[in-house]
Amino acid sequence: MEHFSFKNNDGVEYEVIFRKPDKRHFGGDCDGICTPPDSLDPKIHISPNLTTQTQLNTSIHEFTHSFFWNKSEKEVAHFANTLSRFLFNHCGWRLPDAAKAKVAKRKWKK
């Protein structure tokens, strides 16, 4: 997948990168990370090595942080879990086959 950029409600531009967050910088073993909106170059990192359901949940979770930075982790997780469960289980959301192929191709390039 190509990089994606967007602006949050405050006009802060974020870049979305499908790369596992580096635990040396972000600590722990996480699936995604959203850097603070006041950082020099705000980014969202999402691991490409996730199931489609976890990738959906992680994307919603990190995008929510970018728009609502002051919300607690518990509030963000509750929202992301609820929305991703609805989209994946109720609506049948799935990555298109072309996107799955790009993710798989990136895994082998490492």
PDB file of N, CA and C in Angstrom:
ATOM      1  N   MET A   1       0.838  -1.178   0.000  1.00  0.00           N
ATOM      2  CA  MET A   1       0.000   0.000   0.000  1.00  0.00           C
ATOM      3  C   MET A   1       0.887   1.247   0.000  1.00  0.00           C
ATOM      4  N   GLU A   2       0.447   2.230  -0.703  1.00  0.00           N
ATOM      5  CA  GLU A   2       1.183   3.477  -0.734  1.00  0.00           C
ATOM      6  C   GLU A   2       0.932   4.250   0.547  1.00  0.00           C
ATOM      7  N   HIS A   3       1.808   5.192   0.809  1.00  0.00           N
ATOM      8  CA  HIS A   3       1.620   6.039   1.979  1.00  0.00           C
ATOM      9  C   HIS A   3       0.364   6.879   1.781  1.00  0.00           C
ATOM     10  N   PHE A   4      -0.253   7.224   2.881  1.00  0.00           N
ATOM     11  CA  PHE A   4      -1.493   7.989   2.858  1.00  0.00           C
ATOM     12  C   PHE A   4      -1.317   9.160   3.812  1.00  0.00           C
ATOM     13  N   SER A   5      -1.745  10.330   3.425  1.00  0.00           N
ATOM     14  CA  SER A   5      -1.678  11.513   4.285  1.00  0.00           C
ATOM     15  C   SER A   5      -3.067  12.098   4.444  1.00  0.00           C
ATOM     16  N   PHE A   6      -3.299  12.706   5.587  1.00  0.00           N
ATOM     17  CA  PHE A   6      -4.574  13.358   5.859  1.00  0.00           C
ATOM     18  C   PHE A   6      -4.351  14.439   6.909  1.00  0.00           C
ATOM     19  N   LYS A   7      -5.335  15.316   7.059  1.00  0.00           N
ATOM     20  CA  LYS A   7      -5.290  16.345   8.098  1.00  0.00           C
ATOM     21  C   LYS A   7      -6.381  16.058   9.112  1.00  0.00           C
ATOM     22  N   ASN A   8      -6.038  16.224  10.394  1.00  0.00           N
ATOM     23  CA  ASN A   8      -7.047  16.026  11.444  1.00  0.00           C
ATOM     24  C   ASN A   8      -7.886  17.299  11.585  1.00  0.00           C
ATOM     25  N   ASN A   9      -8.762  17.325  12.576  1.00  0.00           N
ATOM     26  CA  ASN A   9      -9.661  18.480  12.780  1.00  0.00           C
ATOM     27  C   ASN A   9      -8.933  19.792  13.021  1.00  0.00           C
ATOM     28  N   ASP A  10      -7.707  19.708  13.531  1.00  0.00           N
ATOM     29  CA  ASP A  10      -6.923  20.910  13.833  1.00  0.00           C
ATOM     30  C   ASP A  10      -5.996  21.301  12.693  1.00  0.00           C
ATOM     31  N   GLY A  11      -6.099  20.615  11.560  1.00  0.00           N
ATOM     32  CA  GLY A  11      -5.272  20.926  10.407  1.00  0.00           C
ATOM     33  C   GLY A  11      -3.876  20.337  10.467  1.00  0.00           C
ATOM     34  N   VAL A  12      -3.629  19.441  11.419  1.00  0.00           N
ATOM     35  CA  VAL A  12      -2.326  18.798  11.529  1.00  0.00           C
ATOM     36  C   VAL A  12      -2.269  17.660  10.509  1.00  0.00           C
ATOM     37  N   GLU A  13      -1.236  17.676   9.671  1.00  0.00           N
ATOM     38  CA  GLU A  13      -1.113  16.643   8.648  1.00  0.00           C
ATOM     39  C   GLU A  13      -0.370  15.431   9.198  1.00  0.00           C
ATOM     40  N   TYR A  14      -0.977  14.264   9.007  1.00  0.00           N
ATOM     41  CA  TYR A  14      -0.397  12.980   9.410  1.00  0.00           C
ATOM     42  C   TYR A  14      -0.077  12.171   8.171  1.00  0.00           C
ATOM     43  N   GLU A  15       0.982  11.388   8.256  1.00  0.00           N
ATOM     44  CA  GLU A  15       1.310  10.420   7.217  1.00  0.00           C
ATOM     45  C   GLU A  15       1.098   9.032   7.816  1.00  0.00           C
ATOM     46  N   VAL A  16       0.449   8.157   7.058  1.00  0.00           N
ATOM     47  CA  VAL A  16       0.211   6.788   7.501  1.00  0.00           C
ATOM     48  C   VAL A  16       1.218   5.887   6.801  1.00  0.00           C
ATOM     49  N   ILE A  17       1.937   5.106   7.602  1.00  0.00           N
ATOM     50  CA  ILE A  17       2.974   4.223   7.081  1.00  0.00           C
ATOM     51  C   ILE A  17       2.683   2.803   7.536  1.00  0.00           C
ATOM     52  N   PHE A  18       2.645   1.881   6.598  1.00  0.00           N
ATOM     53  CA  PHE A  18       2.452   0.473   6.944  1.00  0.00           C
ATOM     54  C   PHE A  18       3.823  -0.148   7.205  1.00  0.00           C
ATOM     55  N   ARG A  19       4.263   0.026   8.431  1.00  0.00           N
ATOM     56  CA  ARG A  19       5.532  -0.524   8.899  1.00  0.00           C
ATOM     57  C   ARG A  19       5.393  -0.753  10.393  1.00  0.00           C
ATOM     58  N   LYS A  20       5.896  -1.869  10.868  1.00  0.00           N
ATOM     59  CA  LYS A  20       5.786  -2.186  12.290  1.00  0.00           C
ATOM     60  C   LYS A  20       6.476  -1.094  13.101  1.00  0.00           C
ATOM     61  N   PRO A  21       5.794  -0.578  14.131  1.00  0.00           N
ATOM     62  CA  PRO A  21       6.425   0.446  14.979  1.00  0.00           C
ATOM     63  C   PRO A  21       7.695  -0.112  15.630  1.00  0.00           C
ATOM     64  N   ASP A  22       8.744   0.667  15.620  1.00  0.00           N
ATOM     65  CA  ASP A  22      10.031   0.267  16.187  1.00  0.00           C
ATOM     66  C   ASP A  22       9.952   0.336  17.706  1.00  0.00           C
ATOM     67  N   LYS A  23      10.051  -0.815  18.370  1.00  0.00           N
ATOM     68  CA  LYS A  23       9.904  -0.834  19.834  1.00  0.00           C
ATOM     69  C   LYS A  23      11.050  -0.127  20.529  1.00  0.00           C
ATOM     70  N   ARG A  24      12.167   0.109  19.839  1.00  0.00           N
ATOM     71  CA  ARG A  24      13.253   0.890  20.453  1.00  0.00           C
ATOM     72  C   ARG A  24      12.820   2.335  20.682  1.00  0.00           C
ATOM     73  N   HIS A  25      11.940   2.831  19.808  1.00  0.00           N
ATOM     74  CA  HIS A  25      11.476   4.213  19.921  1.00  0.00           C
ATOM     75  C   HIS A  25      10.141   4.327  20.643  1.00  0.00           C
ATOM     76  N   PHE A  26       9.263   3.337  20.420  1.00  0.00           N
ATOM     77  CA  PHE A  26       7.901   3.434  20.929  1.00  0.00           C
ATOM     78  C   PHE A  26       7.632   2.509  22.110  1.00  0.00           C
ATOM     79  N   GLY A  27       8.580   1.645  22.440  1.00  0.00           N
ATOM     80  CA  GLY A  27       8.416   0.746  23.576  1.00  0.00           C
ATOM     81  C   GLY A  27       7.445  -0.380  23.288  1.00  0.00           C
ATOM     82  N   GLY A  28       7.648  -1.491  23.964  1.00  0.00           N
ATOM     83  CA  GLY A  28       6.731  -2.616  23.869  1.00  0.00           C
ATOM     84  C   GLY A  28       6.601  -3.195  22.477  1.00  0.00           C
ATOM     85  N   ASP A  29       5.714  -4.120  22.347  1.00  0.00           N
ATOM     86  CA  ASP A  29       5.445  -4.758  21.068  1.00  0.00           C
ATOM     87  C   ASP A  29       4.025  -4.376  20.668  1.00  0.00           C
ATOM     88  N   CYS A  30       3.893  -3.369  19.813  1.00  0.00           N
ATOM     89  CA  CYS A  30       2.557  -2.885  19.470  1.00  0.00           C
ATOM     90  C   CYS A  30       2.282  -3.053  17.986  1.00  0.00           C
ATOM     91  N   ASP A  31       0.996  -3.052  17.657  1.00  0.00           N
ATOM     92  CA  ASP A  31       0.556  -3.197  16.271  1.00  0.00           C
ATOM     93  C   ASP A  31       0.516  -1.865  15.537  1.00  0.00           C
ATOM     94  N   GLY A  32       0.405  -0.767  16.294  1.00  0.00           N
ATOM     95  CA  GLY A  32       0.324   0.550  15.682  1.00  0.00           C
ATOM     96  C   GLY A  32       0.692   1.623  16.675  1.00  0.00           C
ATOM     97  N   ILE A  33       0.977   2.796  16.140  1.00  0.00           N
ATOM     98  CA  ILE A  33       1.325   3.937  16.989  1.00  0.00           C
ATOM     99  C   ILE A  33       0.911   5.223  16.272  1.00  0.00           C
ATOM    100  N   CYS A  34       0.480   6.184  17.044  1.00  0.00           N
ATOM    101  CA  CYS A  34       0.166   7.515  16.526  1.00  0.00           C
ATOM    102  C   CYS A  34       1.033   8.498  17.290  1.00  0.00           C
ATOM    103  N   THR A  35       1.879   9.227  16.586  1.00  0.00           N
ATOM    104  CA  THR A  35       2.724  10.203  17.268  1.00  0.00           C
ATOM    105  C   THR A  35       1.891  11.438  17.611  1.00  0.00           C
ATOM    106  N   PRO A  36       2.312  12.192  18.605  1.00  0.00           N
ATOM    107  CA  PRO A  36       1.532  13.365  19.037  1.00  0.00           C
ATOM    108  C   PRO A  36       1.361  14.384  17.911  1.00  0.00           C
ATOM    109  N   PRO A  37       0.237  15.082  17.924  1.00  0.00           N
ATOM    110  CA  PRO A  37      -0.010  16.071  16.867  1.00  0.00           C
ATOM    111  C   PRO A  37       0.969  17.240  16.901  1.00  0.00           C
ATOM    112  N   ASP A  38       1.621  17.471  18.036  1.00  0.00           N
ATOM    113  CA  ASP A  38       2.574  18.574  18.113  1.00  0.00           C
ATOM    114  C   ASP A  38       4.006  18.127  17.796  1.00  0.00           C
ATOM    115  N   SER A  39       4.187  16.880  17.359  1.00  0.00           N
ATOM    116  CA  SER A  39       5.525  16.424  16.992  1.00  0.00           C
ATOM    117  C   SER A  39       5.925  17.045  15.659  1.00  0.00           C
ATOM    118  N   LEU A  40       7.208  16.990  15.363  1.00  0.00           N
ATOM    119  CA  LEU A  40       7.742  17.646  14.171  1.00  0.00           C
ATOM    120  C   LEU A  40       7.096  17.139  12.881  1.00  0.00           C
ATOM    121  N   ASP A  41       6.889  15.844  12.774  1.00  0.00           N
ATOM    122  CA  ASP A  41       6.341  15.242  11.562  1.00  0.00           C
ATOM    123  C   ASP A  41       5.392  14.111  11.976  1.00  0.00           C
ATOM    124  N   PRO A  42       4.150  14.432  12.345  1.00  0.00           N
ATOM    125  CA  PRO A  42       3.237  13.409  12.884  1.00  0.00           C
ATOM    126  C   PRO A  42       2.999  12.250  11.917  1.00  0.00           C
ATOM    127  N   LYS A  43       3.047  11.051  12.489  1.00  0.00           N
ATOM    128  CA  LYS A  43       2.863   9.849  11.687  1.00  0.00           C
ATOM    129  C   LYS A  43       2.024   8.824  12.431  1.00  0.00           C
ATOM    130  N   ILE A  44       1.416   7.961  11.642  1.00  0.00           N
ATOM    131  CA  ILE A  44       0.760   6.766  12.167  1.00  0.00           C
ATOM    132  C   ILE A  44       1.484   5.591  11.535  1.00  0.00           C
ATOM    133  N   HIS A  45       1.966   4.679  12.376  1.00  0.00           N
ATOM    134  CA  HIS A  45       2.598   3.453  11.908  1.00  0.00           C
ATOM    135  C   HIS A  45       1.639   2.310  12.181  1.00  0.00           C
ATOM    136  N   ILE A  46       1.404   1.487  11.175  1.00  0.00           N
ATOM    137  CA  ILE A  46       0.554   0.308  11.314  1.00  0.00           C
ATOM    138  C   ILE A  46       1.328  -0.887  10.778  1.00  0.00           C
ATOM    139  N   SER A  47       1.445  -1.907  11.598  1.00  0.00           N
ATOM    140  CA  SER A  47       2.163  -3.101  11.167  1.00  0.00           C
ATOM    141  C   SER A  47       1.427  -3.755   9.999  1.00  0.00           C
ATOM    142  N   PRO A  48       2.163  -4.116   8.935  1.00  0.00           N
ATOM    143  CA  PRO A  48       1.527  -4.810   7.816  1.00  0.00           C
ATOM    144  C   PRO A  48       1.358  -6.309   8.099  1.00  0.00           C
ATOM    145  N   ASN A  49       1.925  -6.778   9.193  1.00  0.00           N
ATOM    146  CA  ASN A  49       1.923  -8.208   9.506  1.00  0.00           C
ATOM    147  C   ASN A  49       0.743  -8.594  10.395  1.00  0.00           C
ATOM    148  N   LEU A  50      -0.425  -8.065  10.100  1.00  0.00           N
ATOM    149  CA  LEU A  50      -1.602  -8.295  10.926  1.00  0.00           C
ATOM    150  C   LEU A  50      -2.685  -8.990  10.111  1.00  0.00           C
ATOM    151  N   THR A  51      -3.598  -9.642  10.798  1.00  0.00           N
ATOM    152  CA  THR A  51      -4.774 -10.160  10.110  1.00  0.00           C
ATOM    153  C   THR A  51      -5.577  -8.964   9.599  1.00  0.00           C
ATOM    154  N   THR A  52      -6.452  -9.197   8.648  1.00  0.00           N
ATOM    155  CA  THR A  52      -7.245  -8.080   8.118  1.00  0.00           C
ATOM    156  C   THR A  52      -8.107  -7.460   9.204  1.00  0.00           C
ATOM    157  N   GLN A  53      -8.630  -8.261  10.106  1.00  0.00           N
ATOM    158  CA  GLN A  53      -9.465  -7.721  11.177  1.00  0.00           C
ATOM    159  C   GLN A  53      -8.629  -6.874  12.142  1.00  0.00           C
ATOM    160  N   THR A  54      -7.449  -7.331  12.474  1.00  0.00           N
ATOM    161  CA  THR A  54      -6.588  -6.569  13.384  1.00  0.00           C
ATOM    162  C   THR A  54      -6.066  -5.309  12.704  1.00  0.00           C
ATOM    163  N   GLN A  55      -5.795  -5.388  11.409  1.00  0.00           N
ATOM    164  CA  GLN A  55      -5.347  -4.201  10.678  1.00  0.00           C
ATOM    165  C   GLN A  55      -6.455  -3.145  10.650  1.00  0.00           C
ATOM    166  N   LEU A  56      -7.684  -3.575  10.461  1.00  0.00           N
ATOM    167  CA  LEU A  56      -8.815  -2.651  10.494  1.00  0.00           C
ATOM    168  C   LEU A  56      -8.932  -2.012  11.876  1.00  0.00           C
ATOM    169  N   ASN A  57      -8.884  -2.827  12.918  1.00  0.00           N
ATOM    170  CA  ASN A  57      -9.011  -2.324  14.282  1.00  0.00           C
ATOM    171  C   ASN A  57      -7.876  -1.361  14.619  1.00  0.00           C
ATOM    172  N   THR A  58      -6.660  -1.716  14.262  1.00  0.00           N
ATOM    173  CA  THR A  58      -5.498  -0.876  14.557  1.00  0.00           C
ATOM    174  C   THR A  58      -5.584   0.448  13.801  1.00  0.00           C
ATOM    175  N   SER A  59      -6.026   0.400  12.551  1.00  0.00           N
ATOM    176  CA  SER A  59      -6.172   1.633  11.766  1.00  0.00           C
ATOM    177  C   SER A  59      -7.184   2.568  12.415  1.00  0.00           C
ATOM    178  N   ILE A  60      -8.334   2.041  12.775  1.00  0.00           N
ATOM    179  CA  ILE A  60      -9.356   2.872  13.434  1.00  0.00           C
ATOM    180  C   ILE A  60      -8.819   3.427  14.739  1.00  0.00           C
ATOM    181  N   HIS A  61      -8.149   2.591  15.506  1.00  0.00           N
ATOM    182  CA  HIS A  61      -7.600   2.998  16.803  1.00  0.00           C
ATOM    183  C   HIS A  61      -6.620   4.167  16.644  1.00  0.00           C
ATOM    184  N   GLU A  62      -5.663   4.032  15.735  1.00  0.00           N
ATOM    185  CA  GLU A  62      -4.639   5.074  15.582  1.00  0.00           C
ATOM    186  C   GLU A  62      -5.200   6.343  14.940  1.00  0.00           C
ATOM    187  N   PHE A  63      -6.115   6.212  13.987  1.00  0.00           N
ATOM    188  CA  PHE A  63      -6.752   7.403  13.414  1.00  0.00           C
ATOM    189  C   PHE A  63      -7.549   8.147  14.489  1.00  0.00           C
ATOM    190  N   THR A  64      -8.199   7.400  15.372  1.00  0.00           N
ATOM    191  CA  THR A  64      -8.960   8.032  16.452  1.00  0.00           C
ATOM    192  C   THR A  64      -8.038   8.851  17.336  1.00  0.00           C
ATOM    193  N   HIS A  65      -6.859   8.308  17.657  1.00  0.00           N
ATOM    194  CA  HIS A  65      -5.876   9.076  18.440  1.00  0.00           C
ATOM    195  C   HIS A  65      -5.529  10.378  17.729  1.00  0.00           C
ATOM    196  N   SER A  66      -5.351  10.328  16.413  1.00  0.00           N
ATOM    197  CA  SER A  66      -4.929  11.535  15.689  1.00  0.00           C
ATOM    198  C   SER A  66      -5.991  12.632  15.726  1.00  0.00           C
ATOM    199  N   PHE A  67      -7.247  12.251  15.764  1.00  0.00           N
ATOM    200  CA  PHE A  67      -8.327  13.239  15.799  1.00  0.00           C
ATOM    201  C   PHE A  67      -8.725  13.639  17.213  1.00  0.00           C
ATOM    202  N   PHE A  68      -8.545  12.742  18.165  1.00  0.00           N
ATOM    203  CA  PHE A  68      -8.981  12.982  19.547  1.00  0.00           C
ATOM    204  C   PHE A  68      -7.847  12.638  20.501  1.00  0.00           C
ATOM    205  N   TRP A  69      -6.759  13.385  20.384  1.00  0.00           N
ATOM    206  CA  TRP A  69      -5.534  13.100  21.112  1.00  0.00           C
ATOM    207  C   TRP A  69      -5.736  13.055  22.626  1.00  0.00           C
ATOM    208  N   ASN A  70      -6.637  13.844  23.146  1.00  0.00           N
ATOM    209  CA  ASN A  70      -6.824  13.930  24.598  1.00  0.00           C
ATOM    210  C   ASN A  70      -7.733  12.843  25.177  1.00  0.00           C
ATOM    211  N   LYS A  71      -8.302  12.003  24.335  1.00  0.00           N
ATOM    212  CA  LYS A  71      -9.129  10.903  24.849  1.00  0.00           C
ATOM    213  C   LYS A  71      -8.217   9.839  25.464  1.00  0.00           C
ATOM    214  N   SER A  72      -8.733   9.157  26.455  1.00  0.00           N
ATOM    215  CA  SER A  72      -7.932   8.128  27.123  1.00  0.00           C
ATOM    216  C   SER A  72      -7.763   6.911  26.219  1.00  0.00           C
ATOM    217  N   GLU A  73      -6.751   6.120  26.523  1.00  0.00           N
ATOM    218  CA  GLU A  73      -6.515   4.887  25.765  1.00  0.00           C
ATOM    219  C   GLU A  73      -7.724   3.964  25.872  1.00  0.00           C
ATOM    220  N   LYS A  74      -8.345   3.943  27.029  1.00  0.00           N
ATOM    221  CA  LYS A  74      -9.527   3.097  27.241  1.00  0.00           C
ATOM    222  C   LYS A  74     -10.668   3.541  26.330  1.00  0.00           C
ATOM    223  N   GLU A  75     -10.918   4.846  26.225  1.00  0.00           N
ATOM    224  CA  GLU A  75     -11.979   5.364  25.368  1.00  0.00           C
ATOM    225  C   GLU A  75     -11.695   5.075  23.892  1.00  0.00           C
ATOM    226  N   VAL A  76     -10.447   5.284  23.475  1.00  0.00           N
ATOM    227  CA  VAL A  76     -10.068   5.044  22.084  1.00  0.00           C
ATOM    228  C   VAL A  76     -10.207   3.562  21.753  1.00  0.00           C
ATOM    229  N   ALA A  77      -9.735   2.698  22.644  1.00  0.00           N
ATOM    230  CA  ALA A  77      -9.818   1.252  22.411  1.00  0.00           C
ATOM    231  C   ALA A  77     -11.275   0.798  22.340  1.00  0.00           C
ATOM    232  N   HIS A  78     -12.108   1.312  23.214  1.00  0.00           N
ATOM    233  CA  HIS A  78     -13.520   0.924  23.211  1.00  0.00           C
ATOM    234  C   HIS A  78     -14.180   1.324  21.886  1.00  0.00           C
ATOM    235  N   PHE A  79     -13.915   2.540  21.434  1.00  0.00           N
ATOM    236  CA  PHE A  79     -14.470   3.014  20.165  1.00  0.00           C
ATOM    237  C   PHE A  79     -13.966   2.164  18.998  1.00  0.00           C
ATOM    238  N   ALA A  80     -12.642   1.965  18.911  1.00  0.00           N
ATOM    239  CA  ALA A  80     -12.061   1.210  17.794  1.00  0.00           C
ATOM    240  C   ALA A  80     -12.556  -0.229  17.783  1.00  0.00           C
ATOM    241  N   ASN A  81     -12.620  -0.850  18.946  1.00  0.00           N
ATOM    242  CA  ASN A  81     -13.094  -2.236  19.013  1.00  0.00           C
ATOM    243  C   ASN A  81     -14.543  -2.355  18.563  1.00  0.00           C
ATOM    244  N   THR A  82     -15.368  -1.406  18.982  1.00  0.00           N
ATOM    245  CA  THR A  82     -16.788  -1.429  18.613  1.00  0.00           C
ATOM    246  C   THR A  82     -16.967  -1.216  17.111  1.00  0.00           C
ATOM    247  N   LEU A  83     -16.316  -0.188  16.568  1.00  0.00           N
ATOM    248  CA  LEU A  83     -16.469   0.116  15.150  1.00  0.00           C
ATOM    249  C   LEU A  83     -15.880  -0.979  14.268  1.00  0.00           C
ATOM    250  N   SER A  84     -14.707  -1.482  14.613  1.00  0.00           N
ATOM    251  CA  SER A  84     -14.109  -2.529  13.773  1.00  0.00           C
ATOM    252  C   SER A  84     -14.917  -3.820  13.830  1.00  0.00           C
ATOM    253  N   ARG A  85     -15.468  -4.143  14.987  1.00  0.00           N
ATOM    254  CA  ARG A  85     -16.310  -5.339  15.097  1.00  0.00           C
ATOM    255  C   ARG A  85     -17.558  -5.186  14.223  1.00  0.00           C
ATOM    256  N   PHE A  86     -18.172  -3.991  14.236  1.00  0.00           N
ATOM    257  CA  PHE A  86     -19.343  -3.724  13.394  1.00  0.00           C
ATOM    258  C   PHE A  86     -18.991  -3.854  11.912  1.00  0.00           C
ATOM    259  N   LEU A  87     -17.922  -3.175  11.487  1.00  0.00           N
ATOM    260  CA  LEU A  87     -17.548  -3.189  10.067  1.00  0.00           C
ATOM    261  C   LEU A  87     -17.131  -4.573   9.600  1.00  0.00           C
ATOM    262  N   PHE A  88     -16.368  -5.290  10.422  1.00  0.00           N
ATOM    263  CA  PHE A  88     -15.841  -6.588  10.004  1.00  0.00           C
ATOM    264  C   PHE A  88     -16.893  -7.691  10.112  1.00  0.00           C
ATOM    265  N   ASN A  89     -17.555  -7.786  11.250  1.00  0.00           N
ATOM    266  CA  ASN A  89     -18.491  -8.897  11.478  1.00  0.00           C
ATOM    267  C   ASN A  89     -19.889  -8.640  10.917  1.00  0.00           C
ATOM    268  N   HIS A  90     -20.395  -7.434  11.060  1.00  0.00           N
ATOM    269  CA  HIS A  90     -21.761  -7.140  10.628  1.00  0.00           C
ATOM    270  C   HIS A  90     -21.828  -6.743   9.152  1.00  0.00           C
ATOM    271  N   CYS A  91     -20.880  -5.902   8.720  1.00  0.00           N
ATOM    272  CA  CYS A  91     -20.905  -5.394   7.343  1.00  0.00           C
ATOM    273  C   CYS A  91     -20.066  -6.227   6.378  1.00  0.00           C
ATOM    274  N   GLY A  92     -19.236  -7.107   6.905  1.00  0.00           N
ATOM    275  CA  GLY A  92     -18.421  -7.953   6.038  1.00  0.00           C
ATOM    276  C   GLY A  92     -17.251  -7.248   5.385  1.00  0.00           C
ATOM    277  N   TRP A  93     -16.736  -6.171   6.016  1.00  0.00           N
ATOM    278  CA  TRP A  93     -15.608  -5.449   5.433  1.00  0.00           C
ATOM    279  C   TRP A  93     -14.398  -6.372   5.341  1.00  0.00           C
ATOM    280  N   ARG A  94     -13.720  -6.341   4.176  1.00  0.00           N
ATOM    281  CA  ARG A  94     -12.489  -7.094   3.964  1.00  0.00           C
ATOM    282  C   ARG A  94     -11.574  -6.280   3.064  1.00  0.00           C
ATOM    283  N   LEU A  95     -10.263  -6.494   3.205  1.00  0.00           N
ATOM    284  CA  LEU A  95      -9.312  -5.866   2.291  1.00  0.00           C
ATOM    285  C   LEU A  95      -9.520  -6.424   0.889  1.00  0.00           C
ATOM    286  N   PRO A  96      -9.463  -5.589  -0.127  1.00  0.00           N
ATOM    287  CA  PRO A  96      -9.532  -6.118  -1.495  1.00  0.00           C
ATOM    288  C   PRO A  96      -8.326  -7.023  -1.752  1.00  0.00           C
ATOM    289  N   ASP A  97      -8.468  -7.983  -2.651  1.00  0.00           N
ATOM    290  CA  ASP A  97      -7.386  -8.924  -2.950  1.00  0.00           C
ATOM    291  C   ASP A  97      -6.101  -8.216  -3.373  1.00  0.00           C
ATOM    292  N   ALA A  98      -6.211  -7.121  -4.114  1.00  0.00           N
ATOM    293  CA  ALA A  98      -5.024  -6.387  -4.558  1.00  0.00           C
ATOM    294  C   ALA A  98      -4.251  -5.829  -3.362  1.00  0.00           C
ATOM    295  N   ALA A  99      -4.961  -5.335  -2.353  1.00  0.00           N
ATOM    296  CA  ALA A  99      -4.297  -4.801  -1.161  1.00  0.00           C
ATOM    297  C   ALA A  99      -3.633  -5.928  -0.378  1.00  0.00           C
ATOM    298  N   LYS A 100      -4.275  -7.088  -0.302  1.00  0.00           N
ATOM    299  CA  LYS A 100      -3.683  -8.240   0.382  1.00  0.00           C
ATOM    300  C   LYS A 100      -2.391  -8.655  -0.302  1.00  0.00           C
ATOM    301  N   ALA A 101      -2.382  -8.631  -1.628  1.00  0.00           N
ATOM    302  CA  ALA A 101      -1.191  -9.016  -2.383  1.00  0.00           C
ATOM    303  C   ALA A 101      -0.041  -8.059  -2.116  1.00  0.00           C
ATOM    304  N   LYS A 102      -0.329  -6.760  -2.018  1.00  0.00           N
ATOM    305  CA  LYS A 102       0.717  -5.780  -1.728  1.00  0.00           C
ATOM    306  C   LYS A 102       1.292  -5.996  -0.338  1.00  0.00           C
ATOM    307  N   VAL A 103       0.439  -6.293   0.634  1.00  0.00           N
ATOM    308  CA  VAL A 103       0.903  -6.564   1.995  1.00  0.00           C
ATOM    309  C   VAL A 103       1.798  -7.789   1.988  1.00  0.00           C
ATOM    310  N   ALA A 104       1.371  -8.856   1.328  1.00  0.00           N
ATOM    311  CA  ALA A 104       2.158 -10.090   1.268  1.00  0.00           C
ATOM    312  C   ALA A 104       3.496  -9.853   0.581  1.00  0.00           C
ATOM    313  N   LYS A 105       3.511  -9.054  -0.478  1.00  0.00           N
ATOM    314  CA  LYS A 105       4.735  -8.755  -1.208  1.00  0.00           C
ATOM    315  C   LYS A 105       5.722  -8.011  -0.311  1.00  0.00           C
ATOM    316  N   ARG A 106       5.240  -7.061   0.488  1.00  0.00           N
ATOM    317  CA  ARG A 106       6.113  -6.321   1.406  1.00  0.00           C
ATOM    318  C   ARG A 106       6.737  -7.245   2.431  1.00  0.00           C
ATOM    319  N   LYS A 107       5.990  -8.225   2.900  1.00  0.00           N
ATOM    320  CA  LYS A 107       6.514  -9.153   3.904  1.00  0.00           C
ATOM    321  C   LYS A 107       7.735  -9.900   3.360  1.00  0.00           C
ATOM    322  N   TRP A 108       7.685 -10.292   2.079  1.00  0.00           N
ATOM    323  CA  TRP A 108       8.775 -11.076   1.505  1.00  0.00           C
ATOM    324  C   TRP A 108       9.992 -10.218   1.164  1.00  0.00           C
ATOM    325  N   LYS A 109       9.832  -8.915   1.021  1.00  0.00           N
ATOM    326  CA  LYS A 109      10.947  -8.034   0.686  1.00  0.00           C
ATOM    327  C   LYS A 109      11.889  -7.803   1.858  1.00  0.00           C
ATOM    328  N   LYS A 110      11.425  -8.095   3.064  1.00  0.00           N
ATOM    329  CA  LYS A 110      12.244  -7.821   4.256  1.00  0.00           C
ATOM    330  C   LYS A 110      13.437  -8.655   4.253  1.00  0.00           C
TER     331      LYS A 110
END
